[in-house]
PDB file of all heavy atoms in Angstrom:
ATOM      1  N   ALA A   1     -33.842 -72.186   3.577  1.00  0.00           N
ATOM      2  CA  ALA A   1     -32.785 -71.230   3.235  1.00  0.00           C
ATOM      3  C   ALA A   1     -32.955 -69.978   4.093  1.00  0.00           C
ATOM      4  O   ALA A   1     -34.058 -69.677   4.558  1.00  0.00           O
ATOM      5  CB  ALA A   1     -32.864 -70.873   1.754  1.00  0.00           C
ATOM      6  N   PRO A   2     -31.869 -69.220   4.330  1.00  0.00           N
ATOM      7  CA  PRO A   2     -31.985 -67.978   5.100  1.00  0.00           C
ATOM      8  C   PRO A   2     -32.998 -67.022   4.476  1.00  0.00           C
ATOM      9  O   PRO A   2     -33.075 -66.887   3.254  1.00  0.00           O
ATOM     10  CB  PRO A   2     -30.559 -67.402   5.042  1.00  0.00           C
ATOM     11  CG  PRO A   2     -29.685 -68.585   4.814  1.00  0.00           C
ATOM     12  CD  PRO A   2     -30.482 -69.522   3.944  1.00  0.00           C
ATOM     13  N   LEU A   3     -33.782 -66.363   5.301  1.00  0.00           N
ATOM     14  CA  LEU A   3     -34.810 -65.431   4.852  1.00  0.00           C
ATOM     15  C   LEU A   3     -34.396 -64.009   5.196  1.00  0.00           C
ATOM     16  O   LEU A   3     -33.931 -63.734   6.309  1.00  0.00           O
ATOM     17  CB  LEU A   3     -36.145 -65.766   5.515  1.00  0.00           C
ATOM     18  CG  LEU A   3     -36.748 -67.121   5.118  1.00  0.00           C
ATOM     19  CD1 LEU A   3     -37.895 -67.486   6.041  1.00  0.00           C
ATOM     20  CD2 LEU A   3     -37.220 -67.103   3.678  1.00  0.00           C
ATOM     21  N   LEU A   4     -34.578 -63.110   4.243  1.00  0.00           N
ATOM     22  CA  LEU A   4     -34.128 -61.737   4.422  1.00  0.00           C
ATOM     23  C   LEU A   4     -35.291 -60.772   4.301  1.00  0.00           C
ATOM     24  O   LEU A   4     -35.953 -60.718   3.258  1.00  0.00           O
ATOM     25  CB  LEU A   4     -33.068 -61.379   3.375  1.00  0.00           C
ATOM     26  CG  LEU A   4     -31.811 -62.254   3.362  1.00  0.00           C
ATOM     27  CD1 LEU A   4     -30.904 -61.848   2.204  1.00  0.00           C
ATOM     28  CD2 LEU A   4     -31.070 -62.138   4.684  1.00  0.00           C
ATOM     29  N   ASN A   5     -35.579 -60.069   5.377  1.00  0.00           N
ATOM     30  CA  ASN A   5     -36.501 -58.936   5.390  1.00  0.00           C
ATOM     31  C   ASN A   5     -37.963 -59.290   5.131  1.00  0.00           C
ATOM     32  O   ASN A   5     -38.293 -60.324   4.562  1.00  0.00           O
ATOM     33  CB  ASN A   5     -36.052 -57.855   4.415  1.00  0.00           C
ATOM     34  CG  ASN A   5     -34.890 -57.070   4.962  1.00  0.00           C
ATOM     35  OD1 ASN A   5     -34.817 -56.820   6.157  1.00  0.00           O
ATOM     36  ND2 ASN A   5     -33.961 -56.700   4.099  1.00  0.00           N
ATOM     37  N   MET A   6     -38.813 -58.398   5.565  1.00  0.00           N
ATOM     38  CA  MET A   6     -40.251 -58.581   5.463  1.00  0.00           C
ATOM     39  C   MET A   6     -40.696 -58.635   4.003  1.00  0.00           C
ATOM     40  O   MET A   6     -40.187 -57.909   3.156  1.00  0.00           O
ATOM     41  CB  MET A   6     -40.969 -57.429   6.179  1.00  0.00           C
ATOM     42  CG  MET A   6     -42.483 -57.565   6.192  1.00  0.00           C
ATOM     43  SD  MET A   6     -43.300 -56.253   7.114  1.00  0.00           S
ATOM     44  CE  MET A   6     -42.824 -56.684   8.780  1.00  0.00           C
ATOM     45  N   ASP A   7     -41.664 -59.521   3.735  1.00  0.00           N
ATOM     46  CA  ASP A   7     -42.245 -59.583   2.398  1.00  0.00           C
ATOM     47  C   ASP A   7     -42.858 -58.222   2.063  1.00  0.00           C
ATOM     48  O   ASP A   7     -43.635 -57.678   2.842  1.00  0.00           O
ATOM     49  CB  ASP A   7     -43.325 -60.660   2.364  1.00  0.00           C
ATOM     50  CG  ASP A   7     -44.037 -60.709   1.030  1.00  0.00           C
ATOM     51  OD1 ASP A   7     -43.412 -61.119   0.049  1.00  0.00           O
ATOM     52  OD2 ASP A   7     -45.223 -60.294   0.979  1.00  0.00           O
ATOM     53  N   PRO A   8     -42.518 -57.647   0.900  1.00  0.00           N
ATOM     54  CA  PRO A   8     -42.995 -56.285   0.593  1.00  0.00           C
ATOM     55  C   PRO A   8     -44.504 -56.168   0.509  1.00  0.00           C
ATOM     56  O   PRO A   8     -45.060 -55.101   0.791  1.00  0.00           O
ATOM     57  CB  PRO A   8     -42.329 -55.970  -0.755  1.00  0.00           C
ATOM     58  CG  PRO A   8     -41.865 -57.285  -1.293  1.00  0.00           C
ATOM     59  CD  PRO A   8     -41.586 -58.156  -0.112  1.00  0.00           C
ATOM     60  N   GLU A   9     -45.200 -57.247   0.134  1.00  0.00           N
ATOM     61  CA  GLU A   9     -46.663 -57.170   0.069  1.00  0.00           C
ATOM     62  C   GLU A   9     -47.267 -57.072   1.464  1.00  0.00           C
ATOM     63  O   GLU A   9     -48.306 -56.421   1.646  1.00  0.00           O
ATOM     64  CB  GLU A   9     -47.218 -58.385  -0.668  1.00  0.00           C
ATOM     65  CG  GLU A   9     -46.922 -58.350  -2.167  1.00  0.00           C
ATOM     66  CD  GLU A   9     -47.668 -59.416  -2.925  1.00  0.00           C
ATOM     67  OE1 GLU A   9     -47.289 -60.589  -2.815  1.00  0.00           O
ATOM     68  OE2 GLU A   9     -48.638 -59.066  -3.639  1.00  0.00           O
ATOM     69  N   ARG A  10     -46.643 -57.707   2.432  1.00  0.00           N
ATOM     70  CA  ARG A  10     -47.140 -57.598   3.798  1.00  0.00           C
ATOM     71  C   ARG A  10     -46.891 -56.195   4.348  1.00  0.00           C
ATOM     72  O   ARG A  10     -47.761 -55.608   4.995  1.00  0.00           O
ATOM     73  CB  ARG A  10     -46.472 -58.662   4.681  1.00  0.00           C
ATOM     74  CG  ARG A  10     -46.938 -60.046   4.338  1.00  0.00           C
ATOM     75  CD  ARG A  10     -46.220 -61.129   5.116  1.00  0.00           C
ATOM     76  NE  ARG A  10     -46.737 -62.424   4.694  1.00  0.00           N
ATOM     77  CZ  ARG A  10     -47.790 -63.038   5.202  1.00  0.00           C
ATOM     78  NH1 ARG A  10     -48.436 -62.482   6.220  1.00  0.00           N
ATOM     79  NH2 ARG A  10     -48.215 -64.183   4.739  1.00  0.00           N
ATOM     80  N   GLN A  11     -45.701 -55.672   4.088  1.00  0.00           N
ATOM     81  CA  GLN A  11     -45.418 -54.306   4.525  1.00  0.00           C
ATOM     82  C   GLN A  11     -46.398 -53.327   3.882  1.00  0.00           C
ATOM     83  O   GLN A  11     -46.922 -52.429   4.543  1.00  0.00           O
ATOM     84  CB  GLN A  11     -43.975 -53.934   4.157  1.00  0.00           C
ATOM     85  CG  GLN A  11     -43.561 -52.542   4.592  1.00  0.00           C
ATOM     86  CD  GLN A  11     -43.383 -52.403   6.097  1.00  0.00           C
ATOM     87  OE1 GLN A  11     -43.328 -53.397   6.816  1.00  0.00           O
ATOM     88  NE2 GLN A  11     -43.279 -51.182   6.576  1.00  0.00           N
ATOM     89  N   ALA A  12     -46.656 -53.507   2.582  1.00  0.00           N
ATOM     90  CA  ALA A  12     -47.588 -52.619   1.877  1.00  0.00           C
ATOM     91  C   ALA A  12     -48.995 -52.734   2.447  1.00  0.00           C
ATOM     92  O   ALA A  12     -49.733 -51.737   2.519  1.00  0.00           O
ATOM     93  CB  ALA A  12     -47.593 -52.951   0.384  1.00  0.00           C
ATOM     94  N   LEU A  13     -49.382 -53.940   2.858  1.00  0.00           N
ATOM     95  CA  LEU A  13     -50.710 -54.123   3.467  1.00  0.00           C
ATOM     96  C   LEU A  13     -50.826 -53.342   4.756  1.00  0.00           C
ATOM     97  O   LEU A  13     -51.803 -52.608   4.967  1.00  0.00           O
ATOM     98  CB  LEU A  13     -50.959 -55.606   3.738  1.00  0.00           C
ATOM     99  CG  LEU A  13     -52.179 -55.913   4.612  1.00  0.00           C
ATOM    100  CD1 LEU A  13     -53.468 -55.482   3.934  1.00  0.00           C
ATOM    101  CD2 LEU A  13     -52.227 -57.396   4.977  1.00  0.00           C
ATOM    102  N   TYR A  14     -49.837 -53.470   5.642  1.00  0.00           N
ATOM    103  CA  TYR A  14     -49.903 -52.767   6.923  1.00  0.00           C
ATOM    104  C   TYR A  14     -49.943 -51.254   6.707  1.00  0.00           C
ATOM    105  O   TYR A  14     -50.687 -50.534   7.382  1.00  0.00           O
ATOM    106  CB  TYR A  14     -48.708 -53.139   7.800  1.00  0.00           C
ATOM    107  CG  TYR A  14     -48.569 -54.620   8.090  1.00  0.00           C
ATOM    108  CD1 TYR A  14     -47.328 -55.198   8.298  1.00  0.00           C
ATOM    109  CD2 TYR A  14     -49.696 -55.450   8.144  1.00  0.00           C
ATOM    110  CE1 TYR A  14     -47.198 -56.561   8.558  1.00  0.00           C
ATOM    111  CE2 TYR A  14     -49.574 -56.805   8.398  1.00  0.00           C
ATOM    112  CZ  TYR A  14     -48.328 -57.354   8.603  1.00  0.00           C
ATOM    113  OH  TYR A  14     -48.196 -58.704   8.855  1.00  0.00           O
ATOM    114  N   GLU A  15     -49.143 -50.793   5.760  1.00  0.00           N
ATOM    115  CA  GLU A  15     -49.119 -49.356   5.493  1.00  0.00           C
ATOM    116  C   GLU A  15     -50.438 -48.880   4.889  1.00  0.00           C
ATOM    117  O   GLU A  15     -50.903 -47.775   5.184  1.00  0.00           O
ATOM    118  CB  GLU A  15     -47.937 -49.032   4.593  1.00  0.00           C
ATOM    119  CG  GLU A  15     -46.596 -49.208   5.317  1.00  0.00           C
ATOM    120  CD  GLU A  15     -45.389 -49.178   4.407  1.00  0.00           C
ATOM    121  OE1 GLU A  15     -45.572 -49.248   3.170  1.00  0.00           O
ATOM    122  OE2 GLU A  15     -44.257 -49.102   4.925  1.00  0.00           O
ATOM    123  N   ALA A  16     -51.064 -49.719   4.040  1.00  0.00           N
ATOM    124  CA  ALA A  16     -52.365 -49.352   3.475  1.00  0.00           C
ATOM    125  C   ALA A  16     -53.426 -49.267   4.570  1.00  0.00           C
ATOM    126  O   ALA A  16     -54.274 -48.366   4.568  1.00  0.00           O
ATOM    127  CB  ALA A  16     -52.785 -50.370   2.415  1.00  0.00           C
ATOM    128  N   CYS A  17     -53.379 -50.187   5.526  1.00  0.00           N
ATOM    129  CA  CYS A  17     -54.335 -50.143   6.643  1.00  0.00           C
ATOM    130  C   CYS A  17     -54.163 -48.863   7.455  1.00  0.00           C
ATOM    131  O   CYS A  17     -55.140 -48.202   7.814  1.00  0.00           O
ATOM    132  CB  CYS A  17     -54.155 -51.362   7.537  1.00  0.00           C
ATOM    133  SG  CYS A  17     -54.723 -52.915   6.800  1.00  0.00           S
ATOM    134  N   GLN A  18     -52.913 -48.512   7.731  1.00  0.00           N
ATOM    135  CA  GLN A  18     -52.639 -47.280   8.476  1.00  0.00           C
ATOM    136  C   GLN A  18     -53.141 -46.061   7.715  1.00  0.00           C
ATOM    137  O   GLN A  18     -53.777 -45.172   8.279  1.00  0.00           O
ATOM    138  CB  GLN A  18     -51.135 -47.162   8.725  1.00  0.00           C
ATOM    139  CG  GLN A  18     -50.699 -45.910   9.457  1.00  0.00           C
ATOM    140  CD  GLN A  18     -50.747 -46.073  10.958  1.00  0.00           C
ATOM    141  OE1 GLN A  18     -50.615 -47.174  11.465  1.00  0.00           O
ATOM    142  NE2 GLN A  18     -50.917 -44.987  11.672  1.00  0.00           N
ATOM    143  N   ARG A  19     -52.883 -46.051   6.433  1.00  0.00           N
ATOM    144  CA  ARG A  19     -53.225 -44.894   5.599  1.00  0.00           C
ATOM    145  C   ARG A  19     -54.730 -44.732   5.420  1.00  0.00           C
ATOM    146  O   ARG A  19     -55.257 -43.616   5.429  1.00  0.00           O
ATOM    147  CB  ARG A  19     -52.542 -45.064   4.230  1.00  0.00           C
ATOM    148  CG  ARG A  19     -52.690 -43.882   3.297  1.00  0.00           C
ATOM    149  CD  ARG A  19     -51.920 -44.104   2.006  1.00  0.00           C
ATOM    150  NE  ARG A  19     -52.549 -45.086   1.132  1.00  0.00           N
ATOM    151  CZ  ARG A  19     -52.064 -46.288   0.876  1.00  0.00           C
ATOM    152  NH1 ARG A  19     -50.948 -46.701   1.434  1.00  0.00           N
ATOM    153  NH2 ARG A  19     -52.699 -47.111   0.060  1.00  0.00           N
ATOM    154  N   LEU A  20     -55.424 -45.860   5.266  1.00  0.00           N
ATOM    155  CA  LEU A  20     -56.846 -45.815   4.940  1.00  0.00           C
ATOM    156  C   LEU A  20     -57.746 -45.965   6.165  1.00  0.00           C
ATOM    157  O   LEU A  20     -58.966 -45.958   6.037  1.00  0.00           O
ATOM    158  CB  LEU A  20     -57.170 -46.920   3.923  1.00  0.00           C
ATOM    159  CG  LEU A  20     -56.445 -46.788   2.577  1.00  0.00           C
ATOM    160  CD1 LEU A  20     -56.695 -48.008   1.693  1.00  0.00           C
ATOM    161  CD2 LEU A  20     -56.869 -45.519   1.853  1.00  0.00           C
ATOM    162  N   GLY A  21     -57.142 -46.101   7.332  1.00  0.00           N
ATOM    163  CA  GLY A  21     -57.941 -46.167   8.551  1.00  0.00           C
ATOM    164  C   GLY A  21     -58.655 -47.481   8.758  1.00  0.00           C
ATOM    165  O   GLY A  21     -59.742 -47.517   9.347  1.00  0.00           O
ATOM    166  N   VAL A  22     -58.057 -48.581   8.288  1.00  0.00           N
ATOM    167  CA  VAL A  22     -58.617 -49.908   8.538  1.00  0.00           C
ATOM    168  C   VAL A  22     -57.840 -50.529   9.691  1.00  0.00           C
ATOM    169  O   VAL A  22     -56.641 -50.793   9.575  1.00  0.00           O
ATOM    170  CB  VAL A  22     -58.531 -50.804   7.289  1.00  0.00           C
ATOM    171  CG1 VAL A  22     -58.990 -52.225   7.610  1.00  0.00           C
ATOM    172  CG2 VAL A  22     -59.385 -50.214   6.167  1.00  0.00           C
ATOM    173  N   GLY A  23     -58.504 -50.736  10.811  1.00  0.00           N
ATOM    174  CA  GLY A  23     -57.834 -51.283  11.979  1.00  0.00           C
ATOM    175  C   GLY A  23     -57.573 -52.778  11.836  1.00  0.00           C
ATOM    176  O   GLY A  23     -58.416 -53.512  11.314  1.00  0.00           O
ATOM    177  N   ILE A  24     -56.413 -53.223  12.285  1.00  0.00           N
ATOM    178  CA  ILE A  24     -56.054 -54.637  12.230  1.00  0.00           C
ATOM    179  C   ILE A  24     -56.225 -55.273  13.597  1.00  0.00           C
ATOM    180  O   ILE A  24     -55.719 -54.758  14.599  1.00  0.00           O
ATOM    181  CB  ILE A  24     -54.594 -54.828  11.770  1.00  0.00           C
ATOM    182  CG1 ILE A  24     -54.374 -54.221  10.377  1.00  0.00           C
ATOM    183  CG2 ILE A  24     -54.220 -56.312  11.751  1.00  0.00           C
ATOM    184  CD1 ILE A  24     -52.919 -54.262   9.930  1.00  0.00           C
ATOM    185  N   THR A  25     -56.955 -56.380  13.624  1.00  0.00           N
ATOM    186  CA  THR A  25     -56.968 -57.243  14.804  1.00  0.00           C
ATOM    187  C   THR A  25     -56.129 -58.461  14.440  1.00  0.00           C
ATOM    188  O   THR A  25     -56.380 -59.124  13.438  1.00  0.00           O
ATOM    189  CB  THR A  25     -58.392 -57.646  15.217  1.00  0.00           C
ATOM    190  OG1 THR A  25     -59.046 -58.328  14.135  1.00  0.00           O
ATOM    191  CG2 THR A  25     -59.211 -56.428  15.589  1.00  0.00           C
ATOM    192  N   VAL A  26     -55.140 -58.753  15.249  1.00  0.00           N
ATOM    193  CA  VAL A  26     -54.115 -59.744  14.896  1.00  0.00           C
ATOM    194  C   VAL A  26     -54.500 -61.135  15.367  1.00  0.00           C
ATOM    195  O   VAL A  26     -54.917 -61.325  16.515  1.00  0.00           O
ATOM    196  CB  VAL A  26     -52.762 -59.343  15.527  1.00  0.00           C
ATOM    197  CG1 VAL A  26     -51.721 -60.453  15.329  1.00  0.00           C
ATOM    198  CG2 VAL A  26     -52.266 -58.037  14.916  1.00  0.00           C
ATOM    199  N   MET A  27     -54.339 -62.108  14.474  1.00  0.00           N
ATOM    200  CA  MET A  27     -54.413 -63.513  14.861  1.00  0.00           C
ATOM    201  C   MET A  27     -53.048 -64.154  14.618  1.00  0.00           C
ATOM    202  O   MET A  27     -52.199 -63.602  13.928  1.00  0.00           O
ATOM    203  CB  MET A  27     -55.483 -64.249  14.053  1.00  0.00           C
ATOM    204  CG  MET A  27     -55.288 -64.220  12.541  1.00  0.00           C
ATOM    205  SD  MET A  27     -56.565 -65.202  11.709  1.00  0.00           S
ATOM    206  CE  MET A  27     -56.442 -64.583  10.019  1.00  0.00           C
ATOM    207  N   LYS A  28     -52.835 -65.313  15.204  1.00  0.00           N
ATOM    208  CA  LYS A  28     -51.621 -66.114  15.006  1.00  0.00           C
ATOM    209  C   LYS A  28     -50.351 -65.394  15.465  1.00  0.00           C
ATOM    210  O   LYS A  28     -49.274 -65.616  14.901  1.00  0.00           O
ATOM    211  CB  LYS A  28     -51.478 -66.528  13.536  1.00  0.00           C
ATOM    212  CG  LYS A  28     -52.682 -67.225  12.938  1.00  0.00           C
ATOM    213  CD  LYS A  28     -52.924 -68.571  13.569  1.00  0.00           C
ATOM    214  CE  LYS A  28     -53.877 -69.454  12.798  1.00  0.00           C
ATOM    215  NZ  LYS A  28     -54.901 -68.913  11.994  1.00  0.00           N
ATOM    216  N   ALA A  29     -50.452 -64.552  16.469  1.00  0.00           N
ATOM    217  CA  ALA A  29     -49.259 -63.830  16.931  1.00  0.00           C
ATOM    218  C   ALA A  29     -48.185 -64.781  17.463  1.00  0.00           C
ATOM    219  O   ALA A  29     -46.991 -64.476  17.393  1.00  0.00           O
ATOM    220  CB  ALA A  29     -49.641 -62.828  18.027  1.00  0.00           C
ATOM    221  N   PHE A  30     -48.601 -65.926  17.988  1.00  0.00           N
ATOM    222  CA  PHE A  30     -47.654 -66.918  18.512  1.00  0.00           C
ATOM    223  C   PHE A  30     -47.430 -68.069  17.529  1.00  0.00           C
ATOM    224  O   PHE A  30     -46.746 -69.037  17.866  1.00  0.00           O
ATOM    225  CB  PHE A  30     -48.149 -67.509  19.835  1.00  0.00           C
ATOM    226  CG  PHE A  30     -48.490 -66.496  20.890  1.00  0.00           C
ATOM    227  CD1 PHE A  30     -49.554 -66.706  21.740  1.00  0.00           C
ATOM    228  CD2 PHE A  30     -47.732 -65.339  21.050  1.00  0.00           C
ATOM    229  CE1 PHE A  30     -49.879 -65.785  22.725  1.00  0.00           C
ATOM    230  CE2 PHE A  30     -48.052 -64.411  22.030  1.00  0.00           C
ATOM    231  CZ  PHE A  30     -49.127 -64.628  22.872  1.00  0.00           C
ATOM    232  N   GLY A  31     -48.015 -67.974  16.339  1.00  0.00           N
ATOM    233  CA  GLY A  31     -47.890 -69.069  15.382  1.00  0.00           C
ATOM    234  C   GLY A  31     -48.416 -70.375  15.919  1.00  0.00           C
ATOM    235  O   GLY A  31     -47.806 -71.432  15.728  1.00  0.00           O
ATOM    236  N   GLY A  32     -49.575 -70.318  16.581  1.00  0.00           N
ATOM    237  CA  GLY A  32     -50.129 -71.525  17.178  1.00  0.00           C
ATOM    238  C   GLY A  32     -49.300 -72.057  18.325  1.00  0.00           C
ATOM    239  O   GLY A  32     -49.435 -73.217  18.728  1.00  0.00           O
ATOM    240  N   GLY A  33     -48.436 -71.213  18.874  1.00  0.00           N
ATOM    241  CA  GLY A  33     -47.577 -71.612  19.983  1.00  0.00           C
ATOM    242  C   GLY A  33     -46.184 -72.039  19.550  1.00  0.00           C
ATOM    243  O   GLY A  33     -45.268 -72.121  20.377  1.00  0.00           O
ATOM    244  N   ASP A  34     -45.988 -72.275  18.240  1.00  0.00           N
ATOM    245  CA  ASP A  34     -44.691 -72.767  17.767  1.00  0.00           C
ATOM    246  C   ASP A  34     -43.569 -71.756  17.978  1.00  0.00           C
ATOM    247  O   ASP A  34     -42.418 -72.136  18.241  1.00  0.00           O
ATOM    248  CB  ASP A  34     -44.770 -73.133  16.289  1.00  0.00           C
ATOM    249  CG  ASP A  34     -45.502 -74.445  16.049  1.00  0.00           C
ATOM    250  OD1 ASP A  34     -45.959 -75.049  17.042  1.00  0.00           O
ATOM    251  OD2 ASP A  34     -45.636 -74.861  14.892  1.00  0.00           O
ATOM    252  N   LEU A  35     -43.876 -70.475  17.858  1.00  0.00           N
ATOM    253  CA  LEU A  35     -42.826 -69.462  18.025  1.00  0.00           C
ATOM    254  C   LEU A  35     -42.282 -69.425  19.447  1.00  0.00           C
ATOM    255  O   LEU A  35     -41.192 -68.900  19.679  1.00  0.00           O
ATOM    256  CB  LEU A  35     -43.360 -68.075  17.654  1.00  0.00           C
ATOM    257  CG  LEU A  35     -43.371 -67.734  16.166  1.00  0.00           C
ATOM    258  CD1 LEU A  35     -44.063 -66.405  15.945  1.00  0.00           C
ATOM    259  CD2 LEU A  35     -41.968 -67.704  15.602  1.00  0.00           C
ATOM    260  N   LEU A  36     -43.028 -69.976  20.376  1.00  0.00           N
ATOM    261  CA  LEU A  36     -42.609 -69.967  21.780  1.00  0.00           C
ATOM    262  C   LEU A  36     -41.744 -71.176  22.128  1.00  0.00           C
ATOM    263  O   LEU A  36     -41.297 -71.311  23.266  1.00  0.00           O
ATOM    264  CB  LEU A  36     -43.835 -69.935  22.691  1.00  0.00           C
ATOM    265  CG  LEU A  36     -44.882 -68.853  22.381  1.00  0.00           C
ATOM    266  CD1 LEU A  36     -46.034 -68.924  23.371  1.00  0.00           C
ATOM    267  CD2 LEU A  36     -44.268 -67.472  22.370  1.00  0.00           C
ATOM    268  N   SER A  37     -41.495 -72.040  21.136  1.00  0.00           N
ATOM    269  CA  SER A  37     -40.728 -73.262  21.359  1.00  0.00           C
ATOM    270  C   SER A  37     -39.475 -73.270  20.486  1.00  0.00           C
ATOM    271  O   SER A  37     -39.575 -73.138  19.260  1.00  0.00           O
ATOM    272  CB  SER A  37     -41.588 -74.492  21.035  1.00  0.00           C
ATOM    273  OG  SER A  37     -40.803 -75.662  20.925  1.00  0.00           O
ATOM    274  N   GLY A  38     -38.317 -73.449  21.094  1.00  0.00           N
ATOM    275  CA  GLY A  38     -37.083 -73.506  20.331  1.00  0.00           C
ATOM    276  C   GLY A  38     -37.038 -74.664  19.360  1.00  0.00           C
ATOM    277  O   GLY A  38     -36.453 -74.559  18.279  1.00  0.00           O
ATOM    278  N   SER A  39     -37.674 -75.781  19.693  1.00  0.00           N
ATOM    279  CA  SER A  39     -37.651 -76.947  18.816  1.00  0.00           C
ATOM    280  C   SER A  39     -38.662 -76.855  17.686  1.00  0.00           C
ATOM    281  O   SER A  39     -38.480 -77.478  16.633  1.00  0.00           O
ATOM    282  CB  SER A  39     -37.916 -78.222  19.633  1.00  0.00           C
ATOM    283  OG  SER A  39     -39.198 -78.167  20.249  1.00  0.00           O
ATOM    284  N   LEU A  40     -39.735 -76.078  17.871  1.00  0.00           N
ATOM    285  CA  LEU A  40     -40.782 -75.980  16.854  1.00  0.00           C
ATOM    286  C   LEU A  40     -40.694 -74.727  16.000  1.00  0.00           C
ATOM    287  O   LEU A  40     -41.173 -74.716  14.862  1.00  0.00           O
ATOM    288  CB  LEU A  40     -42.162 -76.016  17.524  1.00  0.00           C
ATOM    289  CG  LEU A  40     -42.519 -77.309  18.271  1.00  0.00           C
ATOM    290  CD1 LEU A  40     -43.876 -77.154  18.948  1.00  0.00           C
ATOM    291  CD2 LEU A  40     -42.526 -78.502  17.329  1.00  0.00           C
ATOM    292  N   SER A  41     -40.085 -73.670  16.496  1.00  0.00           N
ATOM    293  CA  SER A  41     -40.057 -72.405  15.769  1.00  0.00           C
ATOM    294  C   SER A  41     -39.234 -72.527  14.491  1.00  0.00           C
ATOM    295  O   SER A  41     -38.075 -72.946  14.527  1.00  0.00           O
ATOM    296  CB  SER A  41     -39.457 -71.299  16.638  1.00  0.00           C
ATOM    297  OG  SER A  41     -39.267 -70.127  15.861  1.00  0.00           O
ATOM    298  N   PRO A  42     -39.809 -72.147  13.348  1.00  0.00           N
ATOM    299  CA  PRO A  42     -39.039 -72.173  12.099  1.00  0.00           C
ATOM    300  C   PRO A  42     -37.919 -71.152  12.079  1.00  0.00           C
ATOM    301  O   PRO A  42     -37.026 -71.221  11.236  1.00  0.00           O
ATOM    302  CB  PRO A  42     -40.089 -71.876  11.032  1.00  0.00           C
ATOM    303  CG  PRO A  42     -41.160 -71.141  11.738  1.00  0.00           C
ATOM    304  CD  PRO A  42     -41.192 -71.703  13.132  1.00  0.00           C
ATOM    305  N   ALA A  43     -37.964 -70.192  13.013  1.00  0.00           N
ATOM    306  CA  ALA A  43     -36.893 -69.207  13.096  1.00  0.00           C
ATOM    307  C   ALA A  43     -35.633 -69.797  13.712  1.00  0.00           C
ATOM    308  O   ALA A  43     -34.566 -69.178  13.669  1.00  0.00           O
ATOM    309  CB  ALA A  43     -37.351 -67.998  13.915  1.00  0.00           C
TER     310      ALA A  43
END
């Protein structure tokens, strides 16, 4: 089904990290490569 807007718990997590000085190192930025493929990307 169509998805609308960022999950509020994820947004709250990022904002808590910014506020409390916890640095984020990102994993899965490419979704294991699926986001780079039109046939595999869930988007």
